[in-house]
Amino acid sequence: MAWIYLILAGLMEVGWPVGLKIAQQQNYRLIGIIIAIAFMAASGILLWLAQREIPMGTAYAVWTSIGAVGTFLFGVWFYGDATSLGKYFGVLLIVSGVVMLKVSS
């Protein structure tokens, strides 16, 4: 169950940068900030639940990695963020590192 909490926490981690991006638009400033705060809280609570069984360092690395990769992909798919082969390779390295953490546990 701890790994499910951790994966959900990582997915929630994507929500707060998206909320901050939404808040950049004048008409959506307040709703964007509310979205960001809600996702931060949900992500933090789920990370806390995961850390009851998963070591702190591993949990944090996985959590931030899911958030970083998810935010990168969200930006590319929905906001047209620039991509390159190098950026995708960097994402692959992040994912490889997380897999290595899990395999080494």
Protein backbone atom coordinates (compact mmCIF):
# COMPACT_ATOMS: atom_id res chain seq x y z
CA MET A 1 0.00 0.00 0.00
CA ALA A 2 2.92 2.34 0.71
CA TRP A 3 4.05 2.22 -2.92
CA ILE A 4 0.54 3.09 -4.08
CA TYR A 5 0.58 6.09 -1.74
CA LEU A 6 3.97 7.07 -3.10
CA ILE A 7 2.93 6.83 -6.74
CA LEU A 8 -0.22 8.84 -6.02
CA ALA A 9 1.88 11.41 -4.14
CA GLY A 10 4.16 11.73 -7.16
CA LEU A 11 1.19 12.19 -9.48
CA MET A 12 -0.24 14.85 -7.14
CA GLU A 13 3.17 16.53 -7.27
CA VAL A 14 2.46 17.38 -10.91
CA GLY A 15 -0.62 19.37 -9.92
CA TRP A 16 1.02 22.21 -8.08
CA PRO A 17 3.30 23.44 -10.91
CA VAL A 18 0.28 23.22 -13.21
CA GLY A 19 -1.70 25.30 -10.71
CA LEU A 20 1.08 27.88 -10.64
CA LYS A 21 1.11 27.93 -14.46
CA ILE A 22 -2.65 28.53 -14.46
CA ALA A 23 -2.14 31.33 -11.92
CA GLN A 24 0.03 33.18 -14.46
CA GLN A 25 -3.18 34.16 -16.28
CA GLN A 26 -4.73 37.24 -14.71
CA ASN A 27 -8.31 35.93 -14.74
CA TYR A 28 -7.31 32.59 -13.19
CA ARG A 29 -4.82 33.75 -10.57
CA LEU A 30 -6.81 32.79 -7.47
CA ILE A 31 -8.06 29.45 -8.80
CA GLY A 32 -4.54 28.55 -9.93
CA ILE A 33 -3.13 29.27 -6.48
CA ILE A 34 -5.92 27.25 -4.85
CA ILE A 35 -5.20 24.33 -7.20
CA ALA A 36 -1.48 24.52 -6.40
CA ILE A 37 -2.06 24.55 -2.63
CA ALA A 38 -4.56 21.67 -2.80
CA PHE A 39 -2.19 19.50 -4.81
CA MET A 40 0.74 20.38 -2.52
CA ALA A 41 -1.27 19.32 0.52
CA ALA A 42 -2.51 16.09 -1.07
CA SER A 43 0.96 15.22 -2.29
CA GLY A 44 2.52 15.90 1.10
CA ILE A 45 -0.03 13.82 2.98
CA LEU A 46 0.40 10.88 0.59
CA LEU A 47 4.19 11.14 0.88
CA TRP A 48 3.86 11.12 4.66
CA LEU A 49 1.73 7.97 4.48
CA ALA A 50 4.24 6.29 2.15
CA GLN A 51 7.17 7.09 4.42
CA ARG A 52 5.69 4.96 7.17
CA GLU A 53 7.03 1.92 5.28
CA ILE A 54 9.42 3.25 2.63
CA PRO A 55 12.78 4.75 3.66
CA MET A 56 12.78 8.54 3.53
CA GLY A 57 15.54 8.89 0.92
CA THR A 58 13.97 6.39 -1.45
CA ALA A 59 10.49 7.85 -1.00
CA TYR A 60 11.71 11.38 -1.62
CA ALA A 61 13.71 10.43 -4.71
CA VAL A 62 10.79 8.52 -6.24
CA TRP A 63 8.31 11.28 -5.32
CA THR A 64 10.34 14.08 -6.86
CA SER A 65 11.15 11.98 -9.92
CA ILE A 66 7.52 11.22 -10.66
CA GLY A 67 6.76 14.89 -10.19
CA ALA A 68 9.61 16.05 -12.42
CA VAL A 69 8.89 13.62 -15.24
CA GLY A 70 5.13 14.16 -15.01
CA THR A 71 5.49 17.93 -15.03
CA PHE A 72 7.85 17.78 -18.01
CA LEU A 73 5.44 15.60 -19.99
CA PHE A 74 2.41 17.69 -18.98
CA GLY A 75 4.18 20.83 -20.15
CA VAL A 76 5.07 19.25 -23.47
CA TRP A 77 1.61 17.78 -24.10
CA PHE A 78 -0.61 20.60 -22.88
CA TYR A 79 1.49 23.77 -22.96
CA GLY A 80 3.69 23.15 -25.99
CA ASP A 81 6.94 23.31 -24.00
CA ALA A 82 10.03 22.88 -26.15
CA THR A 83 11.55 19.43 -26.38
CA SER A 84 14.71 17.91 -27.72
CA LEU A 85 16.38 14.55 -27.81
CA GLY A 86 18.58 15.69 -24.92
CA LYS A 87 15.58 16.55 -22.76
CA TYR A 88 13.98 13.17 -23.39
CA PHE A 89 17.30 11.50 -22.58
CA GLY A 90 17.41 13.42 -19.31
CA VAL A 91 13.92 12.17 -18.45
CA LEU A 92 15.05 8.63 -19.30
CA LEU A 93 17.96 9.04 -16.86
CA ILE A 94 15.58 10.16 -14.12
CA VAL A 95 13.32 7.14 -14.70
CA SER A 96 16.37 4.82 -14.80
CA GLY A 97 17.53 6.19 -11.46
CA VAL A 98 14.16 5.54 -9.85
CA VAL A 99 14.06 2.00 -11.23
CA MET A 100 17.56 1.43 -9.83
CA LEU A 101 16.42 2.65 -6.39
CA LYS A 102 13.52 0.20 -6.44
CA VAL A 103 15.63 -2.72 -7.67
CA SER A 104 18.27 -2.03 -5.03
CA SER A 105 15.79 -1.97 -2.15
